[in-house]
């Protein structure tokens, strides 16, 4: 293909462009997807067998779509004996030179599956929602609608070469959950006994939880435990350990975790606390500097 460039003002007709040239230019840096804003092209129930598509916008292969009015769509009557799943898509059609919302009607079955979308360079669908239509249904509720806007079948507009919102969230969730299955148990000091667990994920977040069997010294500044290097908060972290499952709690003790990882007693301290009060709990999390 020869070199192409644009766009410049025409002088005596020496710079003329097609709509496809503009789309190609947008396609250099902008990915296909919906505009990332709350409620954009969301599908919600309307009445009876109708659903509403909220206002919104999108880009598909450098071509834009905008609708500033809610759109009401009527679904076909439910089958009397079988269920089905209809799919609502935003379809780019090169042949029709348009982008429009389309209903892809599913096939009735005891256990229905969503119909396939179009995925060619000539016709391409962004899937907005899947609608479960139970046998003999006469109304669509929110429970019947599966929002597909954040799925791999739709997604949001981004910059090519950058991580998409969906990919970022998936990686964030992966790191947040990784490493949380195992836990280290810390030894307790100054007469305190029980189980003090620490967990850490790949985001550098430390989760602490403890079930104290015997409460030892409760003087202000008493050290209960010391967190190892790599599990210490960036700034002092304060929390409250309590006894009992509902408010008002039987007793409570203020605790602070210093930047050096020292877990110690601090106010408030319940006046009714017993040195052998059973079942004292604490649970919290904080950020480390890795």
Protein backbone atom coordinates (compact mmCIF):
# COMPACT_ATOMS: atom_id res chain seq x y z
CA UNK A 1 0.00 0.00 0.00
CA UNK A 2 1.24 3.47 -0.88
CA UNK A 3 1.96 6.08 1.78
CA UNK A 4 -1.07 7.85 3.25
CA UNK A 5 -1.35 10.89 5.46
CA UNK A 6 -3.92 13.46 6.54
CA UNK A 7 -5.82 15.56 7.24
CA UNK A 8 -5.00 18.90 5.62
CA UNK A 9 -7.11 21.68 4.18
CA UNK A 10 -7.71 21.33 0.46
CA UNK A 11 -6.41 23.92 -2.00
CA UNK A 12 -8.10 23.76 -5.36
CA UNK A 13 -9.24 20.19 -4.63
CA UNK A 14 -5.77 18.69 -3.99
CA UNK A 15 -6.77 17.12 -0.64
CA UNK A 16 -9.90 14.98 -0.77
CA UNK A 17 -10.77 12.30 1.78
CA UNK A 18 -13.27 9.49 2.21
CA UNK A 19 -15.09 8.49 5.38
CA UNK A 20 -12.95 5.32 5.38
CA UNK A 21 -9.82 7.50 5.60
CA UNK A 22 -11.13 9.07 8.81
CA UNK A 23 -12.02 5.67 10.23
CA UNK A 24 -8.54 4.35 9.43
CA UNK A 25 -7.00 7.35 11.17
CA UNK A 26 -9.05 6.75 14.32
CA UNK A 27 -8.24 3.05 14.07
CA UNK A 28 -4.51 3.76 14.40
CA UNK A 29 -4.79 4.68 18.06
CA UNK A 30 -8.31 3.85 19.31
CA UNK A 31 -9.58 0.37 20.09
CA UNK A 32 -13.08 -0.95 19.48
CA UNK A 33 -15.51 -0.75 22.41
CA UNK A 34 -17.98 1.35 24.38
CA UNK A 35 -17.25 4.71 25.91
CA UNK A 36 -16.30 4.07 29.54
CA UNK A 37 -18.98 5.81 31.57
CA UNK A 38 -21.68 4.68 33.97
CA UNK A 39 -24.86 3.38 32.32
CA UNK A 40 -23.48 3.69 28.79
CA UNK A 41 -25.71 1.55 26.50
CA UNK A 42 -26.88 -0.49 29.49
CA UNK A 43 -29.81 -2.83 28.83
CA UNK A 44 -32.52 -2.73 31.51
CA UNK A 45 -36.12 -4.01 31.79
CA UNK A 46 -38.87 -1.75 30.42
CA UNK A 47 -42.29 -3.39 30.46
CA UNK A 48 -43.70 -6.79 29.54
CA UNK A 49 -41.41 -8.28 26.86
CA UNK A 50 -39.61 -5.02 26.23
CA UNK A 51 -36.16 -3.83 27.31
CA UNK A 52 -34.58 -0.40 27.21
CA UNK A 53 -31.10 0.47 25.94
CA UNK A 54 -29.79 3.55 27.70
CA UNK A 55 -28.15 6.42 25.87
CA UNK A 56 -24.48 6.04 25.02
CA UNK A 57 -21.73 5.82 22.47
CA UNK A 58 -19.12 3.46 21.05
CA UNK A 59 -16.36 3.06 18.49
CA UNK A 60 -16.05 0.07 16.13
CA UNK A 61 -13.10 -0.09 13.72
CA UNK A 62 -12.73 3.69 13.88
CA UNK A 63 -16.43 4.33 13.17
CA UNK A 64 -18.46 6.04 15.89
CA UNK A 65 -21.96 5.38 17.22
CA UNK A 66 -23.94 7.80 19.37
CA UNK A 67 -27.53 7.74 20.65
CA UNK A 68 -28.85 10.48 22.94
CA UNK A 69 -32.29 8.90 23.36
CA UNK A 70 -33.27 5.70 25.18
CA UNK A 71 -34.20 2.93 22.77
CA UNK A 72 -37.06 0.50 23.47
CA UNK A 73 -36.74 -2.99 21.99
CA UNK A 74 -39.51 -5.58 21.90
CA UNK A 75 -38.46 -9.21 22.17
CA UNK A 76 -40.32 -12.03 20.42
CA UNK A 77 -42.96 -13.95 22.36
CA UNK A 78 -41.58 -16.68 24.61
CA UNK A 79 -41.83 -20.31 23.53
CA UNK A 80 -44.59 -22.20 25.31
CA UNK A 81 -42.44 -25.20 26.28
CA UNK A 82 -38.76 -24.30 25.89
CA UNK A 83 -36.42 -21.56 27.12
CA UNK A 84 -34.18 -19.40 24.97
CA UNK A 85 -31.50 -16.71 25.21
CA UNK A 86 -31.68 -13.64 22.97
CA UNK A 87 -28.56 -11.54 22.48
CA UNK A 88 -28.60 -7.76 22.06
CA UNK A 89 -25.64 -6.42 20.12
CA UNK A 90 -24.33 -3.23 18.62
CA UNK A 91 -23.49 -4.23 15.04
CA UNK A 92 -21.05 -2.61 12.65
CA UNK A 93 -22.07 -3.30 9.04
CA UNK A 94 -19.64 -2.30 6.34
CA UNK A 95 -22.07 -3.26 3.60
CA UNK A 96 -24.94 -1.27 5.10
CA UNK A 97 -22.59 1.55 6.09
CA UNK A 98 -24.16 1.66 9.54
CA UNK A 99 -23.88 0.81 13.24
CA UNK A 100 -27.15 -0.26 14.86
CA UNK A 101 -28.56 -2.26 17.76
CA UNK A 102 -29.68 -5.75 16.72
CA UNK A 103 -31.50 -8.62 18.45
CA UNK A 104 -30.02 -12.04 17.70
CA UNK A 105 -32.81 -14.45 18.56
CA UNK A 106 -31.72 -17.63 20.33
CA UNK A 107 -32.84 -21.20 19.67
CA UNK A 108 -35.42 -22.59 22.14
CA UNK A 109 -34.11 -25.48 24.26
CA UNK A 110 -34.39 -27.00 27.72
CA UNK A 111 -30.91 -25.62 28.44
CA UNK A 112 -30.46 -22.79 25.94
CA UNK A 113 -27.20 -21.16 24.91
CA UNK A 114 -26.64 -17.63 23.66
CA UNK A 115 -26.44 -17.28 19.87
CA UNK A 116 -23.06 -16.50 18.28
CA UNK A 117 -22.15 -12.94 17.37
CA UNK A 118 -20.68 -11.78 14.07
CA UNK A 119 -16.92 -11.27 14.11
CA UNK A 120 -15.68 -10.34 10.66
CA UNK A 121 -14.09 -7.17 9.31
CA UNK A 122 -17.29 -6.55 7.34
CA UNK A 123 -19.77 -7.20 10.17
CA UNK A 124 -18.83 -7.06 13.82
CA UNK A 125 -20.91 -7.21 17.01
CA UNK A 126 -20.31 -5.71 20.43
CA UNK A 127 -22.48 -7.75 22.81
CA UNK A 128 -24.43 -5.51 25.18
CA UNK A 129 -26.56 -8.08 27.00
CA UNK A 130 -27.96 -11.61 26.97
CA UNK A 131 -31.66 -11.96 27.81
CA UNK A 132 -32.91 -15.22 29.32
CA UNK A 133 -36.49 -15.85 28.20
CA UNK A 134 -38.08 -18.64 30.19
CA UNK A 135 -40.83 -20.75 28.66
CA UNK A 136 -44.20 -18.98 28.61
CA UNK A 137 -42.65 -15.81 30.07
CA UNK A 138 -44.64 -12.60 29.64
CA UNK A 139 -42.30 -10.14 31.33
CA UNK A 140 -38.54 -9.48 31.45
CA UNK A 141 -37.00 -8.71 34.85
CA UNK A 142 -33.52 -7.59 35.84
CA UNK A 143 -32.67 -11.17 36.83
CA UNK A 144 -33.24 -12.23 33.20
CA UNK A 145 -30.59 -9.80 31.89
CA UNK A 146 -26.89 -10.62 31.86
CA UNK A 147 -24.83 -7.46 31.36
CA UNK A 148 -22.09 -8.26 28.84
CA UNK A 149 -20.55 -4.80 28.49
CA UNK A 150 -17.48 -5.62 30.59
CA UNK A 151 -16.97 -9.06 29.05
CA UNK A 152 -14.50 -10.07 26.35
CA UNK A 153 -17.40 -9.90 23.88
CA UNK A 154 -17.67 -6.12 24.30
CA UNK A 155 -15.35 -4.01 26.47
CA UNK A 156 -14.54 -0.32 26.44
CA UNK A 157 -12.69 2.06 24.17
CA UNK A 158 -9.00 2.33 24.94
CA UNK A 159 -5.67 3.34 23.44
CA UNK A 160 -3.99 0.76 21.25
CA UNK A 161 -0.87 -0.59 22.89
CA UNK A 162 -2.19 0.24 26.35
CA UNK A 163 -3.75 -2.19 28.81
CA UNK A 164 -7.56 -2.23 28.54
CA UNK A 165 -9.81 -1.63 31.54
CA UNK A 166 -10.88 -5.28 31.43
CA UNK A 167 -7.30 -6.59 31.25
CA UNK A 168 -6.23 -4.24 34.04
CA UNK A 169 -9.07 -5.40 36.31
CA UNK A 170 -8.36 -9.06 35.56
CA UNK A 171 -4.68 -8.64 36.39
CA UNK A 172 -5.54 -6.66 39.54
CA UNK A 173 -7.90 -9.39 40.73
CA UNK A 174 -5.31 -12.05 39.94
CA UNK A 175 -2.66 -10.30 42.02
CA UNK A 176 -5.09 -9.53 44.85
CA UNK A 177 -6.06 -13.19 45.16
CA UNK A 178 -2.64 -14.71 44.60
CA UNK A 179 -0.86 -15.86 47.73
CA UNK A 180 -3.92 -15.59 49.96
CA UNK A 181 -4.40 -19.33 50.44
CA UNK A 182 -1.43 -19.80 52.76
CA UNK A 183 -0.81 -17.96 56.02
CA UNK A 184 1.96 -17.56 58.56
CA UNK A 185 1.21 -17.87 62.28
CA UNK A 186 2.94 -15.42 64.62
CA UNK A 187 4.05 -16.29 68.17
CA UNK A 188 2.32 -14.20 70.85
CA UNK A 189 3.96 -12.52 73.82
CA UNK A 190 3.30 -11.31 77.39
CA UNK A 191 0.80 -13.97 78.37
CA UNK A 192 -1.34 -13.77 75.23
CA UNK A 193 -2.19 -17.10 73.57
CA UNK A 194 -4.13 -18.01 70.46
CA UNK A 195 -3.74 -17.94 66.68
CA UNK A 196 -2.46 -14.77 64.96
CA UNK A 197 -2.42 -15.20 61.17
CA UNK A 198 -0.85 -12.98 58.50
CA UNK A 199 -1.47 -13.25 54.74
CA UNK A 200 0.03 -11.25 51.90
CA UNK A 201 -0.98 -10.95 48.24
CA UNK A 202 0.93 -9.79 45.15
CA UNK A 203 -0.34 -6.22 45.58
CA UNK A 204 1.56 -5.92 48.86
CA UNK A 205 -1.63 -6.00 50.92
CA UNK A 206 -1.31 -7.75 54.28
CA UNK A 207 -4.35 -9.28 55.97
CA UNK A 208 -4.17 -9.96 59.70
CA UNK A 209 -6.66 -11.97 61.71
CA UNK A 210 -6.52 -13.49 65.14
CA UNK A 211 -8.53 -15.54 67.59
CA UNK A 212 -7.20 -14.97 71.11
CA UNK A 213 -7.80 -17.70 73.65
CA UNK A 214 -6.14 -16.15 76.72
CA UNK A 215 -5.61 -12.42 77.19
CA UNK A 216 -2.35 -11.58 78.93
CA UNK A 217 -1.09 -8.18 80.07
CA UNK A 218 -3.37 -5.34 78.92
CA UNK A 219 -1.30 -2.31 80.00
CA UNK A 220 -0.89 0.40 77.40
CA UNK A 221 2.21 -0.30 75.28
CA UNK A 222 2.23 -4.06 75.96
CA UNK A 223 3.68 -5.90 72.96
CA UNK A 224 1.52 -8.77 71.70
CA UNK A 225 3.49 -9.80 68.60
CA UNK A 226 5.96 -8.53 65.99
CA UNK A 227 5.33 -8.76 62.25
CA UNK A 228 8.29 -9.93 60.13
CA UNK A 229 9.97 -7.74 57.52
CA UNK A 230 7.85 -7.47 54.39
CA UNK A 231 4.60 -7.61 56.39
CA UNK A 232 4.81 -4.22 58.08
CA UNK A 233 2.51 -1.25 57.32
CA UNK A 234 3.71 1.88 55.54
CA UNK A 235 2.09 4.00 58.26
CA UNK A 236 0.92 2.99 61.77
CA UNK A 237 -2.23 0.91 61.52
CA UNK A 238 -4.90 1.03 64.25
CA UNK A 239 -7.67 -1.49 64.89
CA UNK A 240 -9.84 -2.86 67.68
CA UNK A 241 -10.01 -6.44 68.92
CA UNK A 242 -13.37 -7.39 70.36
CA UNK A 243 -15.09 -10.23 72.17
CA UNK A 244 -18.57 -11.43 71.19
CA UNK A 245 -20.27 -11.62 67.82
CA UNK A 246 -22.75 -8.73 68.11
CA UNK A 247 -22.81 -5.18 69.42
CA UNK A 248 -22.52 -4.28 72.27
CA UNK A 249 -19.38 -6.39 72.48
CA UNK A 250 -18.47 -8.05 75.76
CA UNK A 251 -15.07 -6.36 75.77
CA UNK A 252 -12.68 -4.58 73.42
CA UNK A 253 -9.02 -3.63 73.24
CA UNK A 254 -7.39 -1.03 71.00
CA UNK A 255 -4.35 -2.26 69.08
CA UNK A 256 -1.77 -0.45 66.96
CA UNK A 257 0.68 -1.97 64.48
CA UNK A 258 3.72 0.26 64.09
CA UNK A 259 5.84 0.73 60.98
CA UNK A 260 8.40 -1.52 62.70
CA UNK A 261 5.76 -4.26 62.81
CA UNK A 262 5.22 -4.10 66.58
CA UNK A 263 1.67 -5.10 67.59
CA UNK A 264 0.86 -3.41 70.90
CA UNK A 265 -1.98 -2.36 73.22
CA UNK A 266 -3.39 1.17 73.00
CA UNK A 267 -6.64 2.85 74.17
CA UNK A 268 -9.57 2.27 74.05
CA UNK A 269 -9.56 -0.60 76.53
CA UNK A 270 -12.81 -2.01 77.96
CA UNK A 271 -13.09 -1.62 81.73
CA UNK A 272 -14.79 -5.01 82.07
CA UNK A 273 -12.04 -6.98 80.38
CA UNK A 274 -10.83 -10.12 82.12
CA UNK A 275 -7.32 -11.50 81.89
CA UNK A 276 -8.89 -14.79 80.85
CA UNK A 277 -11.71 -13.50 78.63
CA UNK A 278 -12.11 -16.14 75.90
CA UNK A 279 -12.82 -15.47 72.22
CA UNK A 280 -11.22 -12.11 71.43
CA UNK A 281 -11.16 -11.47 67.67
CA UNK A 282 -9.42 -9.05 65.35
CA UNK A 283 -9.36 -8.75 61.57
CA UNK A 284 -7.94 -6.04 59.30
CA UNK A 285 -5.66 -5.34 56.35
CA UNK A 286 -3.15 -2.69 55.29
CA UNK A 287 -0.68 -1.81 52.54
CA UNK A 288 3.03 -2.58 52.79
CA UNK A 289 5.91 -1.22 50.76
CA UNK A 290 6.54 -4.75 49.44
